[in-house]
Amino acid sequence: MNWAVNQNVLEICSYSLVCGTEEKQFVQAAARATRSMRAQRGFLARSVAKADDGSWTEIVHWLDRRSADSAADRIPKTPDAAAYYALIDKPSFRRGVYPVACSG
């Protein structure tokens, strides 16, 4: 396998949902928020996953750190993303951006 070195970053967020939020409602909101992400410079891919304990993790692949940071400033202001973020329990939210050491 050949590994390519690049400047891509992974934005990894973990969180719980606001009490009373239905999973179907959240997943639909997440799908709509992805549309806002796709419109951002440097967006590559996004996955949202639910853990057995009910917490959520999302991984967004970005071309570079500048793209990730710029999008983090702009995306929450879009209506679709604002509706999505309203379903996330703010105190539980954690975000990290990590340089990709290699990918294949």
N, C-alpha and C. Protein backbone atom coordinates (compact mmCIF):
# COMPACT_ATOMS: atom_id res chain seq x y z
N MET A 1 0.84 -1.18 0.00
CA MET A 1 0.00 0.00 0.00
C MET A 1 0.88 1.23 0.00
N ASN A 2 0.57 2.18 -0.84
CA ASN A 2 1.28 3.44 -0.87
C ASN A 2 0.57 4.45 0.01
N TRP A 3 1.31 5.13 0.84
CA TRP A 3 0.76 6.16 1.71
C TRP A 3 1.15 7.52 1.16
N ALA A 4 0.18 8.40 1.07
CA ALA A 4 0.43 9.73 0.54
C ALA A 4 0.48 10.74 1.69
N VAL A 5 1.53 11.51 1.76
CA VAL A 5 1.65 12.56 2.76
C VAL A 5 0.97 13.80 2.19
N ASN A 6 0.19 14.49 3.03
CA ASN A 6 -0.56 15.64 2.55
C ASN A 6 -0.77 16.65 3.68
N GLN A 7 -1.53 17.69 3.42
CA GLN A 7 -1.83 18.71 4.43
C GLN A 7 -3.25 18.57 4.96
N ASN A 8 -3.92 17.47 4.63
CA ASN A 8 -5.30 17.27 5.08
C ASN A 8 -5.36 17.23 6.60
N VAL A 9 -6.53 17.62 7.11
CA VAL A 9 -6.78 17.54 8.55
C VAL A 9 -8.10 16.84 8.78
N LEU A 10 -8.22 16.25 9.96
CA LEU A 10 -9.47 15.67 10.41
C LEU A 10 -10.01 16.56 11.52
N GLU A 11 -11.26 16.96 11.38
CA GLU A 11 -11.95 17.67 12.45
C GLU A 11 -12.81 16.61 13.14
N ILE A 12 -12.54 16.36 14.41
CA ILE A 12 -13.27 15.34 15.14
C ILE A 12 -14.01 16.00 16.30
N CYS A 13 -15.32 15.84 16.28
CA CYS A 13 -16.17 16.42 17.32
C CYS A 13 -16.93 15.31 18.02
N SER A 14 -17.10 15.45 19.31
CA SER A 14 -17.92 14.51 20.07
C SER A 14 -18.90 15.31 20.90
N TYR A 15 -20.06 14.72 21.14
CA TYR A 15 -21.11 15.45 21.85
C TYR A 15 -22.27 14.51 22.18
N SER A 16 -23.16 15.02 23.02
CA SER A 16 -24.44 14.39 23.29
C SER A 16 -25.51 15.30 22.71
N LEU A 17 -26.70 14.77 22.61
CA LEU A 17 -27.81 15.56 22.09
C LEU A 17 -28.59 16.22 23.22
N VAL A 18 -29.28 17.29 22.88
CA VAL A 18 -30.16 17.94 23.83
C VAL A 18 -31.21 16.91 24.25
N CYS A 19 -31.50 16.85 25.53
CA CYS A 19 -32.46 15.90 26.06
C CYS A 19 -33.78 16.01 25.30
N GLY A 20 -34.30 14.87 24.89
CA GLY A 20 -35.57 14.83 24.17
C GLY A 20 -35.44 14.84 22.66
N THR A 21 -34.24 15.02 22.15
CA THR A 21 -34.03 15.02 20.70
C THR A 21 -34.13 13.60 20.18
N GLU A 22 -34.96 13.39 19.19
CA GLU A 22 -35.09 12.07 18.58
C GLU A 22 -33.97 11.83 17.58
N GLU A 23 -33.49 10.60 17.54
CA GLU A 23 -32.38 10.27 16.65
C GLU A 23 -32.70 10.59 15.19
N LYS A 24 -33.89 10.26 14.74
CA LYS A 24 -34.27 10.51 13.35
C LYS A 24 -34.21 12.01 13.06
N GLN A 25 -34.70 12.82 13.97
CA GLN A 25 -34.67 14.28 13.82
C GLN A 25 -33.24 14.77 13.70
N PHE A 26 -32.36 14.24 14.54
CA PHE A 26 -30.96 14.65 14.53
C PHE A 26 -30.27 14.24 13.23
N VAL A 27 -30.49 13.02 12.80
CA VAL A 27 -29.83 12.52 11.58
C VAL A 27 -30.28 13.34 10.37
N GLN A 28 -31.55 13.68 10.31
CA GLN A 28 -32.04 14.51 9.21
C GLN A 28 -31.40 15.90 9.25
N ALA A 29 -31.27 16.46 10.45
CA ALA A 29 -30.62 17.78 10.59
C ALA A 29 -29.15 17.70 10.21
N ALA A 30 -28.50 16.61 10.58
CA ALA A 30 -27.08 16.42 10.24
C ALA A 30 -26.91 16.34 8.73
N ALA A 31 -27.82 15.65 8.05
CA ALA A 31 -27.74 15.54 6.59
C ALA A 31 -27.91 16.92 5.94
N ARG A 32 -28.82 17.73 6.45
CA ARG A 32 -29.01 19.08 5.90
C ARG A 32 -27.78 19.95 6.17
N ALA A 33 -27.17 19.80 7.35
CA ALA A 33 -25.97 20.57 7.68
C ALA A 33 -24.80 20.19 6.77
N THR A 34 -24.77 18.96 6.33
CA THR A 34 -23.70 18.53 5.43
C THR A 34 -23.74 19.32 4.14
N ARG A 35 -24.92 19.71 3.69
CA ARG A 35 -25.02 20.54 2.48
C ARG A 35 -24.25 21.84 2.66
N SER A 36 -24.35 22.45 3.86
CA SER A 36 -23.61 23.68 4.14
C SER A 36 -22.12 23.42 4.13
N MET A 37 -21.71 22.27 4.64
CA MET A 37 -20.29 21.93 4.67
C MET A 37 -19.75 21.71 3.27
N ARG A 38 -20.53 21.03 2.44
CA ARG A 38 -20.08 20.76 1.07
C ARG A 38 -19.80 22.03 0.29
N ALA A 39 -20.47 23.10 0.65
CA ALA A 39 -20.27 24.38 -0.06
C ALA A 39 -19.01 25.11 0.39
N GLN A 40 -18.34 24.60 1.42
CA GLN A 40 -17.16 25.27 1.95
C GLN A 40 -15.91 24.84 1.20
N ARG A 41 -15.01 25.80 1.03
CA ARG A 41 -13.71 25.52 0.42
C ARG A 41 -12.97 24.47 1.25
N GLY A 42 -12.44 23.47 0.60
CA GLY A 42 -11.61 22.49 1.27
C GLY A 42 -12.35 21.31 1.90
N PHE A 43 -13.67 21.28 1.80
CA PHE A 43 -14.43 20.14 2.35
C PHE A 43 -14.16 18.90 1.52
N LEU A 44 -13.89 17.77 2.19
CA LEU A 44 -13.66 16.52 1.48
C LEU A 44 -14.71 15.47 1.78
N ALA A 45 -15.04 15.28 3.07
CA ALA A 45 -16.01 14.24 3.44
C ALA A 45 -16.43 14.43 4.89
N ARG A 46 -17.57 13.83 5.25
CA ARG A 46 -18.07 13.92 6.63
C ARG A 46 -18.78 12.62 6.98
N SER A 47 -18.56 12.15 8.21
CA SER A 47 -19.27 11.00 8.76
C SER A 47 -19.74 11.34 10.16
N VAL A 48 -20.95 10.91 10.49
CA VAL A 48 -21.51 11.10 11.82
C VAL A 48 -21.89 9.72 12.35
N ALA A 49 -21.47 9.41 13.57
CA ALA A 49 -21.70 8.08 14.12
C ALA A 49 -22.20 8.15 15.56
N LYS A 50 -23.03 7.18 15.92
CA LYS A 50 -23.57 7.10 17.28
C LYS A 50 -22.90 5.94 18.01
N ALA A 51 -22.43 6.22 19.22
CA ALA A 51 -21.80 5.19 20.05
C ALA A 51 -22.87 4.43 20.83
N ASP A 52 -22.48 3.30 21.36
CA ASP A 52 -23.40 2.47 22.15
C ASP A 52 -23.95 3.22 23.37
N ASP A 53 -23.18 4.16 23.91
CA ASP A 53 -23.63 4.90 25.10
C ASP A 53 -24.55 6.08 24.75
N GLY A 54 -24.85 6.25 23.45
CA GLY A 54 -25.74 7.32 23.02
C GLY A 54 -25.04 8.61 22.63
N SER A 55 -23.74 8.70 22.85
CA SER A 55 -22.99 9.89 22.44
C SER A 55 -22.74 9.82 20.94
N TRP A 56 -22.35 10.95 20.37
CA TRP A 56 -22.14 11.06 18.93
C TRP A 56 -20.73 11.55 18.64
N THR A 57 -20.19 11.11 17.52
CA THR A 57 -18.90 11.57 17.04
C THR A 57 -19.03 11.86 15.55
N GLU A 58 -18.44 12.96 15.13
CA GLU A 58 -18.39 13.22 13.70
C GLU A 58 -16.96 13.50 13.30
N ILE A 59 -16.64 13.05 12.11
CA ILE A 59 -15.32 13.25 11.54
C ILE A 59 -15.50 13.94 10.20
N VAL A 60 -14.85 15.09 10.06
CA VAL A 60 -14.90 15.84 8.81
C VAL A 60 -13.49 15.91 8.26
N HIS A 61 -13.34 15.53 7.03
CA HIS A 61 -12.05 15.59 6.34
C HIS A 61 -11.97 16.92 5.59
N TRP A 62 -10.90 17.66 5.86
CA TRP A 62 -10.67 18.95 5.22
C TRP A 62 -9.36 18.94 4.46
N LEU A 63 -9.29 19.75 3.42
CA LEU A 63 -8.08 19.86 2.62
C LEU A 63 -6.90 20.34 3.46
N ASP A 64 -7.17 21.30 4.37
CA ASP A 64 -6.10 21.84 5.21
C ASP A 64 -6.71 22.52 6.44
N ARG A 65 -5.86 22.92 7.36
CA ARG A 65 -6.30 23.53 8.60
C ARG A 65 -7.04 24.85 8.36
N ARG A 66 -6.56 25.64 7.44
CA ARG A 66 -7.22 26.92 7.15
C ARG A 66 -8.66 26.69 6.70
N SER A 67 -8.89 25.69 5.88
CA SER A 67 -10.26 25.38 5.44
C SER A 67 -11.14 24.99 6.61
N ALA A 68 -10.62 24.14 7.50
CA ALA A 68 -11.39 23.70 8.66
C ALA A 68 -11.75 24.87 9.56
N ASP A 69 -10.78 25.71 9.86
CA ASP A 69 -11.02 26.85 10.75
C ASP A 69 -11.95 27.87 10.13
N SER A 70 -11.78 28.14 8.85
CA SER A 70 -12.64 29.09 8.17
C SER A 70 -14.08 28.59 8.14
N ALA A 71 -14.25 27.33 7.85
CA ALA A 71 -15.60 26.75 7.81
C ALA A 71 -16.23 26.76 9.20
N ALA A 72 -15.44 26.53 10.24
CA ALA A 72 -15.97 26.54 11.60
C ALA A 72 -16.55 27.90 11.97
N ASP A 73 -16.01 28.95 11.38
CA ASP A 73 -16.54 30.30 11.61
C ASP A 73 -17.81 30.56 10.81
N ARG A 74 -17.86 30.04 9.58
CA ARG A 74 -18.98 30.35 8.67
C ARG A 74 -20.17 29.41 8.79
N ILE A 75 -19.92 28.13 8.94
CA ILE A 75 -21.00 27.13 8.87
C ILE A 75 -22.10 27.35 9.92
N PRO A 76 -21.77 27.62 11.18
CA PRO A 76 -22.86 27.77 12.16
C PRO A 76 -23.84 28.90 11.85
N LYS A 77 -23.45 29.82 10.98
CA LYS A 77 -24.33 30.93 10.62
C LYS A 77 -25.34 30.57 9.53
N THR A 78 -25.19 29.40 8.92
CA THR A 78 -26.14 28.98 7.89
C THR A 78 -27.37 28.38 8.56
N PRO A 79 -28.55 28.58 7.98
CA PRO A 79 -29.78 28.08 8.62
C PRO A 79 -29.78 26.57 8.88
N ASP A 80 -29.33 25.77 7.91
CA ASP A 80 -29.33 24.32 8.10
C ASP A 80 -28.41 23.90 9.23
N ALA A 81 -27.23 24.49 9.28
CA ALA A 81 -26.28 24.15 10.33
C ALA A 81 -26.75 24.67 11.70
N ALA A 82 -27.36 25.84 11.73
CA ALA A 82 -27.85 26.38 12.99
C ALA A 82 -28.91 25.46 13.60
N ALA A 83 -29.78 24.92 12.75
CA ALA A 83 -30.80 23.98 13.24
C ALA A 83 -30.16 22.70 13.77
N TYR A 84 -29.12 22.26 13.13
CA TYR A 84 -28.38 21.06 13.56
C TYR A 84 -27.69 21.32 14.90
N TYR A 85 -26.97 22.43 15.00
CA TYR A 85 -26.24 22.74 16.24
C TYR A 85 -27.19 22.96 17.42
N ALA A 86 -28.41 23.38 17.16
CA ALA A 86 -29.39 23.59 18.23
C ALA A 86 -29.76 22.27 18.91
N LEU A 87 -29.51 21.15 18.27
CA LEU A 87 -29.84 19.84 18.84
C LEU A 87 -28.70 19.25 19.66
N ILE A 88 -27.55 19.91 19.65
CA ILE A 88 -26.37 19.42 20.38
C ILE A 88 -26.30 20.06 21.76
N ASP A 89 -26.06 19.23 22.76
CA ASP A 89 -25.88 19.71 24.13
C ASP A 89 -24.54 20.45 24.21
N LYS A 90 -24.59 21.77 24.32
CA LYS A 90 -23.37 22.60 24.23
C LYS A 90 -22.29 22.21 25.25
N PRO A 91 -22.62 21.96 26.54
CA PRO A 91 -21.56 21.60 27.49
C PRO A 91 -20.82 20.30 27.15
N SER A 92 -21.47 19.43 26.39
CA SER A 92 -20.83 18.15 26.06
C SER A 92 -19.94 18.23 24.82
N PHE A 93 -20.02 19.33 24.08
CA PHE A 93 -19.34 19.45 22.79
C PHE A 93 -17.82 19.58 22.94
N ARG A 94 -17.11 18.74 22.22
CA ARG A 94 -15.64 18.79 22.16
C ARG A 94 -15.23 18.76 20.70
N ARG A 95 -14.23 19.60 20.33
CA ARG A 95 -13.76 19.67 18.95
C ARG A 95 -12.24 19.66 18.93
N GLY A 96 -11.69 18.89 18.02
CA GLY A 96 -10.26 18.89 17.79
C GLY A 96 -9.99 18.82 16.30
N VAL A 97 -8.89 19.44 15.88
CA VAL A 97 -8.48 19.38 14.47
C VAL A 97 -7.07 18.79 14.46
N TYR A 98 -6.92 17.73 13.68
CA TYR A 98 -5.68 16.95 13.72
C TYR A 98 -5.08 16.80 12.32
N PRO A 99 -3.81 17.11 12.17
CA PRO A 99 -3.15 16.91 10.87
C PRO A 99 -3.09 15.42 10.53
N VAL A 100 -3.35 15.10 9.29
CA VAL A 100 -3.26 13.72 8.84
C VAL A 100 -1.79 13.40 8.60
N ALA A 101 -1.29 12.41 9.31
CA ALA A 101 0.11 12.03 9.17
C ALA A 101 0.33 11.26 7.86
N CYS A 102 -0.63 10.42 7.53
CA CYS A 102 -0.59 9.71 6.27
C CYS A 102 -1.99 9.14 6.02
N SER A 103 -2.27 8.86 4.77
CA SER A 103 -3.55 8.27 4.43
C SER A 103 -3.36 7.35 3.25
N GLY A 104 -4.28 6.47 3.07
CA GLY A 104 -4.13 5.52 1.97
C GLY A 104 -5.44 5.08 1.44
